[in-house]
C-alpha atoms as a PDB file:
ATOM      1  CA  UNK A   1     102.009 -72.385  50.938  1.00  0.00           C
ATOM      2  CA  UNK A   2     104.411 -73.871  53.402  1.00  0.00           C
ATOM      3  CA  UNK A   3     108.020 -74.436  54.251  1.00  0.00           C
ATOM      4  CA  UNK A   4     110.195 -76.431  56.606  1.00  0.00           C
ATOM      5  CA  UNK A   5     113.656 -75.295  57.668  1.00  0.00           C
ATOM      6  CA  UNK A   6     116.400 -76.946  59.645  1.00  0.00           C
ATOM      7  CA  UNK A   7     117.451 -74.072  61.857  1.00  0.00           C
ATOM      8  CA  UNK A   8     120.958 -73.357  63.073  1.00  0.00           C
ATOM      9  CA  UNK A   9     120.480 -75.686  66.071  1.00  0.00           C
ATOM     10  CA  UNK A  10     119.362 -78.563  63.812  1.00  0.00           C
ATOM     11  CA  UNK A  11     115.736 -78.290  64.895  1.00  0.00           C
ATOM     12  CA  UNK A  12     113.026 -78.759  62.257  1.00  0.00           C
ATOM     13  CA  UNK A  13     110.637 -75.824  62.068  1.00  0.00           C
ATOM     14  CA  UNK A  14     107.655 -75.631  59.726  1.00  0.00           C
ATOM     15  CA  UNK A  15     105.066 -73.036  58.771  1.00  0.00           C
ATOM     16  CA  UNK A  16     102.037 -73.508  56.557  1.00  0.00           C
ATOM     17  CA  UNK A  17      99.221 -71.159  55.609  1.00  0.00           C
ATOM     18  CA  UNK A  18      96.046 -71.453  53.581  1.00  0.00           C
ATOM     19  CA  UNK A  19      95.613 -68.833  50.905  1.00  0.00           C
ATOM     20  CA  UNK A  20      98.068 -66.843  48.852  1.00  0.00           C
ATOM     21  CA  UNK A  21     101.837 -67.154  49.215  1.00  0.00           C
ATOM     22  CA  UNK A  22     101.847 -63.560  50.510  1.00  0.00           C
ATOM     23  CA  UNK A  23     100.220 -64.769  53.754  1.00  0.00           C
ATOM     24  CA  UNK A  24     103.243 -66.984  54.401  1.00  0.00           C
ATOM     25  CA  UNK A  25     105.626 -64.209  53.290  1.00  0.00           C
ATOM     26  CA  UNK A  26     104.064 -61.781  55.782  1.00  0.00           C
ATOM     27  CA  UNK A  27     104.300 -64.357  58.582  1.00  0.00           C
ATOM     28  CA  UNK A  28     107.985 -64.965  57.812  1.00  0.00           C
ATOM     29  CA  UNK A  29     108.713 -61.239  57.593  1.00  0.00           C
ATOM     30  CA  UNK A  30     107.285 -60.825  61.101  1.00  0.00           C
ATOM     31  CA  UNK A  31     109.024 -63.910  62.541  1.00  0.00           C
ATOM     32  CA  UNK A  32     111.758 -65.247  60.239  1.00  0.00           C
ATOM     33  CA  UNK A  33     112.949 -68.841  60.188  1.00  0.00           C
ATOM     34  CA  UNK A  34     116.698 -69.091  59.811  1.00  0.00           C
ATOM     35  CA  UNK A  35     118.651 -72.078  58.633  1.00  0.00           C
ATOM     36  CA  UNK A  36     120.812 -73.539  55.908  1.00  0.00           C
ATOM     37  CA  UNK A  37     118.515 -76.245  54.526  1.00  0.00           C
ATOM     38  CA  UNK A  38     114.830 -75.986  53.747  1.00  0.00           C
ATOM     39  CA  UNK A  39     111.999 -77.139  51.526  1.00  0.00           C
ATOM     40  CA  UNK A  40     108.883 -75.298  50.414  1.00  0.00           C
ATOM     41  CA  UNK A  41     105.738 -75.885  48.398  1.00  0.00           C
ATOM     42  CA  UNK A  42     103.121 -73.522  46.981  1.00  0.00           C
ATOM     43  CA  UNK A  43      99.991 -75.575  46.467  1.00  0.00           C
ATOM     44  CA  UNK A  44      97.756 -77.846  48.468  1.00  0.00           C
ATOM     45  CA  UNK A  45      97.915 -81.593  48.307  1.00  0.00           C
ATOM     46  CA  UNK A  46      96.239 -83.607  45.561  1.00  0.00           C
ATOM     47  CA  UNK A  47      94.163 -85.427  48.168  1.00  0.00           C
ATOM     48  CA  UNK A  48      91.842 -83.542  50.490  1.00  0.00           C
ATOM     49  CA  UNK A  49      90.544 -80.001  50.480  1.00  0.00           C
ATOM     50  CA  UNK A  50      92.828 -76.960  50.276  1.00  0.00           C
ATOM     51  CA  UNK A  51      93.718 -76.392  53.932  1.00  0.00           C
ATOM     52  CA  UNK A  52      96.646 -75.722  56.207  1.00  0.00           C
ATOM     53  CA  UNK A  53      96.651 -79.363  57.346  1.00  0.00           C
ATOM     54  CA  UNK A  54      96.692 -80.716  53.781  1.00  0.00           C
ATOM     55  CA  UNK A  55      99.340 -78.306  52.509  1.00  0.00           C
ATOM     56  CA  UNK A  56     102.978 -79.212  52.192  1.00  0.00           C
ATOM     57  CA  UNK A  57     105.445 -79.841  53.703  1.00  0.00           C
ATOM     58  CA  UNK A  58     104.258 -82.898  55.594  1.00  0.00           C
ATOM     59  CA  UNK A  59     106.113 -83.964  58.713  1.00  0.00           C
ATOM     60  CA  UNK A  60     106.784 -87.195  60.514  1.00  0.00           C
ATOM     61  CA  UNK A  61     108.671 -86.379  63.703  1.00  0.00           C
ATOM     62  CA  UNK A  62     112.020 -85.020  62.430  1.00  0.00           C
ATOM     63  CA  UNK A  63     111.355 -85.659  58.703  1.00  0.00           C
ATOM     64  CA  UNK A  64     109.764 -83.143  56.316  1.00  0.00           C
ATOM     65  CA  UNK A  65     108.614 -83.903  52.761  1.00  0.00           C
ATOM     66  CA  UNK A  66     107.305 -81.938  49.785  1.00  0.00           C
ATOM     67  CA  UNK A  67     105.845 -83.840  46.846  1.00  0.00           C
ATOM     68  CA  UNK A  68     104.462 -83.331  43.369  1.00  0.00           C
ATOM     69  CA  UNK A  69     102.495 -86.182  41.851  1.00  0.00           C
ATOM     70  CA  UNK A  70     100.170 -88.891  43.088  1.00  0.00           C
ATOM     71  CA  UNK A  71     101.139 -91.911  45.183  1.00  0.00           C
ATOM     72  CA  UNK A  72      98.538 -94.403  44.018  1.00  0.00           C
ATOM     73  CA  UNK A  73      99.067 -96.980  46.766  1.00  0.00           C
ATOM     74  CA  UNK A  74      98.946 -94.461  49.621  1.00  0.00           C
ATOM     75  CA  UNK A  75      95.867 -96.043  51.224  1.00  0.00           C
ATOM     76  CA  UNK A  76      97.550 -99.450  51.514  1.00  0.00           C
ATOM     77  CA  UNK A  77     100.714 -97.834  52.893  1.00  0.00           C
ATOM     78  CA  UNK A  78      98.653 -95.683  55.278  1.00  0.00           C
ATOM     79  CA  UNK A  79      96.978 -98.749  56.807  1.00  0.00           C
ATOM     80  CA  UNK A  80     100.329-100.521  57.176  1.00  0.00           C
ATOM     81  CA  UNK A  81     101.835 -97.473  58.907  1.00  0.00           C
ATOM     82  CA  UNK A  82      98.820 -97.028  61.215  1.00  0.00           C
ATOM     83  CA  UNK A  83      99.359-100.603  62.420  1.00  0.00           C
ATOM     84  CA  UNK A  84     102.949 -99.617  63.221  1.00  0.00           C
ATOM     85  CA  UNK A  85     101.752 -96.725  65.399  1.00  0.00           C
ATOM     86  CA  UNK A  86     101.833 -93.777  63.012  1.00  0.00           C
ATOM     87  CA  UNK A  87      99.104 -91.155  63.370  1.00  0.00           C
ATOM     88  CA  UNK A  88      97.827 -89.289  60.320  1.00  0.00           C
ATOM     89  CA  UNK A  89      96.551 -85.726  60.531  1.00  0.00           C
ATOM     90  CA  UNK A  90      95.985 -84.996  56.834  1.00  0.00           C
ATOM     91  CA  UNK A  91      94.079 -86.572  53.973  1.00  0.00           C
ATOM     92  CA  UNK A  92      97.160 -86.611  51.761  1.00  0.00           C
ATOM     93  CA  UNK A  93      99.280 -89.194  50.040  1.00  0.00           C
ATOM     94  CA  UNK A  94     102.344 -87.096  50.879  1.00  0.00           C
ATOM     95  CA  UNK A  95     101.999 -87.610  54.617  1.00  0.00           C
ATOM     96  CA  UNK A  96     102.217 -91.330  53.877  1.00  0.00           C
ATOM     97  CA  UNK A  97     105.598 -90.777  52.197  1.00  0.00           C
ATOM     98  CA  UNK A  98     106.825 -88.744  55.197  1.00  0.00           C
ATOM     99  CA  UNK A  99     105.874 -91.476  57.670  1.00  0.00           C
ATOM    100  CA  UNK A 100     107.338 -94.197  55.450  1.00  0.00           C
ATOM    101  CA  UNK A 101     110.664 -92.347  55.186  1.00  0.00           C
ATOM    102  CA  UNK A 102     110.662 -91.877  58.966  1.00  0.00           C
ATOM    103  CA  UNK A 103     109.950 -95.598  59.414  1.00  0.00           C
ATOM    104  CA  UNK A 104     112.720 -96.575  56.983  1.00  0.00           C
ATOM    105  CA  UNK A 105     115.207 -94.342  58.807  1.00  0.00           C
ATOM    106  CA  UNK A 106     115.040 -96.863  61.663  1.00  0.00           C
ATOM    107  CA  UNK A 107     116.969 -99.397  59.568  1.00  0.00           C
ATOM    108  CA  UNK A 108     118.744 -97.165  57.036  1.00  0.00           C
ATOM    109  CA  UNK A 109     122.286 -95.871  57.363  1.00  0.00           C
ATOM    110  CA  UNK A 110     121.221 -92.333  56.398  1.00  0.00           C
ATOM    111  CA  UNK A 111     118.457 -90.216  54.859  1.00  0.00           C
ATOM    112  CA  UNK A 112     119.460 -91.053  51.291  1.00  0.00           C
ATOM    113  CA  UNK A 113     119.165 -94.778  51.987  1.00  0.00           C
ATOM    114  CA  UNK A 114     115.801 -94.294  53.738  1.00  0.00           C
ATOM    115  CA  UNK A 115     114.454 -92.450  50.693  1.00  0.00           C
ATOM    116  CA  UNK A 116     115.821 -95.171  48.397  1.00  0.00           C
ATOM    117  CA  UNK A 117     113.998 -97.820  50.475  1.00  0.00           C
ATOM    118  CA  UNK A 118     110.827 -95.740  50.484  1.00  0.00           C
ATOM    119  CA  UNK A 119     110.576 -95.177  46.742  1.00  0.00           C
ATOM    120  CA  UNK A 120     110.764 -98.940  46.170  1.00  0.00           C
ATOM    121  CA  UNK A 121     107.394 -99.125  47.966  1.00  0.00           C
ATOM    122  CA  UNK A 122     105.709 -96.209  46.176  1.00  0.00           C
ATOM    123  CA  UNK A 123     103.437 -96.687  43.174  1.00  0.00           C
ATOM    124  CA  UNK A 124     102.474 -93.742  41.013  1.00  0.00           C
ATOM    125  CA  UNK A 125     104.205 -90.487  40.160  1.00  0.00           C
ATOM    126  CA  UNK A 126     106.319 -88.397  42.461  1.00  0.00           C
ATOM    127  CA  UNK A 127     108.997 -85.781  42.777  1.00  0.00           C
ATOM    128  CA  UNK A 128     110.085 -85.640  46.411  1.00  0.00           C
ATOM    129  CA  UNK A 129     112.148 -83.192  48.413  1.00  0.00           C
ATOM    130  CA  UNK A 130     113.125 -84.487  51.858  1.00  0.00           C
ATOM    131  CA  UNK A 131     114.980 -83.072  54.860  1.00  0.00           C
ATOM    132  CA  UNK A 132     115.610 -84.558  58.300  1.00  0.00           C
ATOM    133  CA  UNK A 133     116.872 -83.057  61.546  1.00  0.00           C
ATOM    134  CA  UNK A 134     119.242 -86.013  61.999  1.00  0.00           C
ATOM    135  CA  UNK A 135     121.169 -84.825  58.933  1.00  0.00           C
ATOM    136  CA  UNK A 136     120.807 -81.038  59.076  1.00  0.00           C
ATOM    137  CA  UNK A 137     123.063 -80.339  56.085  1.00  0.00           C
ATOM    138  CA  UNK A 138     121.320 -82.724  53.683  1.00  0.00           C
ATOM    139  CA  UNK A 139     118.470 -82.391  51.194  1.00  0.00           C
ATOM    140  CA  UNK A 140     117.429 -85.470  49.198  1.00  0.00           C
ATOM    141  CA  UNK A 141     115.402 -85.247  46.001  1.00  0.00           C
ATOM    142  CA  UNK A 142     114.111 -87.973  43.717  1.00  0.00           C
ATOM    143  CA  UNK A 143     111.675 -88.351  40.860  1.00  0.00           C
ATOM    144  CA  UNK A 144     109.516 -90.918  39.132  1.00  0.00           C
ATOM    145  CA  UNK A 145     106.925 -89.770  36.609  1.00  0.00           C
ATOM    146  CA  UNK A 146     107.048 -86.138  37.787  1.00  0.00           C
ATOM    147  CA  UNK A 147     109.739 -83.624  36.813  1.00  0.00           C
ATOM    148  CA  UNK A 148     112.546 -82.508  39.117  1.00  0.00           C
ATOM    149  CA  UNK A 149     115.375 -80.165  38.234  1.00  0.00           C
ATOM    150  CA  UNK A 150     118.572 -79.415  40.121  1.00  0.00           C
ATOM    151  CA  UNK A 151     119.634 -75.764  40.185  1.00  0.00           C
ATOM    152  CA  UNK A 152     123.338 -75.107  40.718  1.00  0.00           C
ATOM    153  CA  UNK A 153     124.277 -71.815  42.328  1.00  0.00           C
ATOM    154  CA  UNK A 154     127.486 -70.454  43.830  1.00  0.00           C
ATOM    155  CA  UNK A 155     128.125 -72.640  46.902  1.00  0.00           C
ATOM    156  CA  UNK A 156     124.418 -73.510  46.984  1.00  0.00           C
ATOM    157  CA  UNK A 157     122.070 -75.951  45.262  1.00  0.00           C
ATOM    158  CA  UNK A 158     118.321 -76.174  44.769  1.00  0.00           C
ATOM    159  CA  UNK A 159     115.668 -78.585  43.537  1.00  0.00           C
ATOM    160  CA  UNK A 160     112.358 -77.614  41.962  1.00  0.00           C
ATOM    161  CA  UNK A 161     109.630 -78.948  39.732  1.00  0.00           C
ATOM    162  CA  UNK A 162     110.704 -76.636  36.892  1.00  0.00           C
ATOM    163  CA  UNK A 163     113.379 -74.101  35.977  1.00  0.00           C
ATOM    164  CA  UNK A 164     111.069 -71.088  36.330  1.00  0.00           C
ATOM    165  CA  UNK A 165     110.872 -71.662  40.077  1.00  0.00           C
ATOM    166  CA  UNK A 166     114.661 -71.199  40.277  1.00  0.00           C
ATOM    167  CA  UNK A 167     115.299 -68.412  37.720  1.00  0.00           C
ATOM    168  CA  UNK A 168     115.753 -65.844  40.504  1.00  0.00           C
ATOM    169  CA  UNK A 169     118.666 -67.778  42.022  1.00  0.00           C
ATOM    170  CA  UNK A 170     120.465 -69.548  39.162  1.00  0.00           C
ATOM    171  CA  UNK A 171     120.648 -70.089  35.434  1.00  0.00           C
ATOM    172  CA  UNK A 172     122.488 -73.432  35.647  1.00  0.00           C
ATOM    173  CA  UNK A 173     120.304 -76.534  35.653  1.00  0.00           C
ATOM    174  CA  UNK A 174     120.603 -80.317  35.643  1.00  0.00           C
ATOM    175  CA  UNK A 175     117.444 -82.135  34.607  1.00  0.00           C
ATOM    176  CA  UNK A 176     117.048 -85.313  36.605  1.00  0.00           C
ATOM    177  CA  UNK A 177     116.218 -88.442  34.644  1.00  0.00           C
ATOM    178  CA  UNK A 178     113.515 -90.940  35.580  1.00  0.00           C
ATOM    179  CA  UNK A 179     114.250 -92.539  38.993  1.00  0.00           C
ATOM    180  CA  UNK A 180     117.305 -90.346  39.647  1.00  0.00           C
ATOM    181  CA  UNK A 181     118.044 -89.484  43.258  1.00  0.00           C
ATOM    182  CA  UNK A 182     120.158 -86.522  44.308  1.00  0.00           C
ATOM    183  CA  UNK A 183     121.694 -85.751  47.698  1.00  0.00           C
ATOM    184  CA  UNK A 184     122.590 -82.106  48.248  1.00  0.00           C
END
């Protein structure tokens, strides 16, 4: 299990732990992360062994990404990004998406545009949640071949892979259609 939070200073902080979600909960109870925008994930990556390094979220400098699905062309993208100076620490396809979003931020007007550029290069299935320290009040989500739902709360919004993940915080949902992108 892992999470990334943009804290009140705009700094990206992440914590990941191997094992049950309770390990992460105990860590956060002892040393909380505070912020207004965050992403979390509760399983290891499709690629690689279950480990802290392979668990989500995956970071590229000031960008953090969670992902459900499989990016089929991740090896080709990984090699392209390595040639551009990116270093990979995990065995995952998701880290490729994080680095590609970071790379596309160099020429994009904002995080939403960088994600839009990125998904044009991805092959396979994905539901992505993305945050970036450069835009500390923004969360971008998009889907292609994997489900993503928007939960609407009172002065707060959420994205998740299914409604059950959000039942504790809202009972109002918008189901994103194929290739939809949402900026919260």
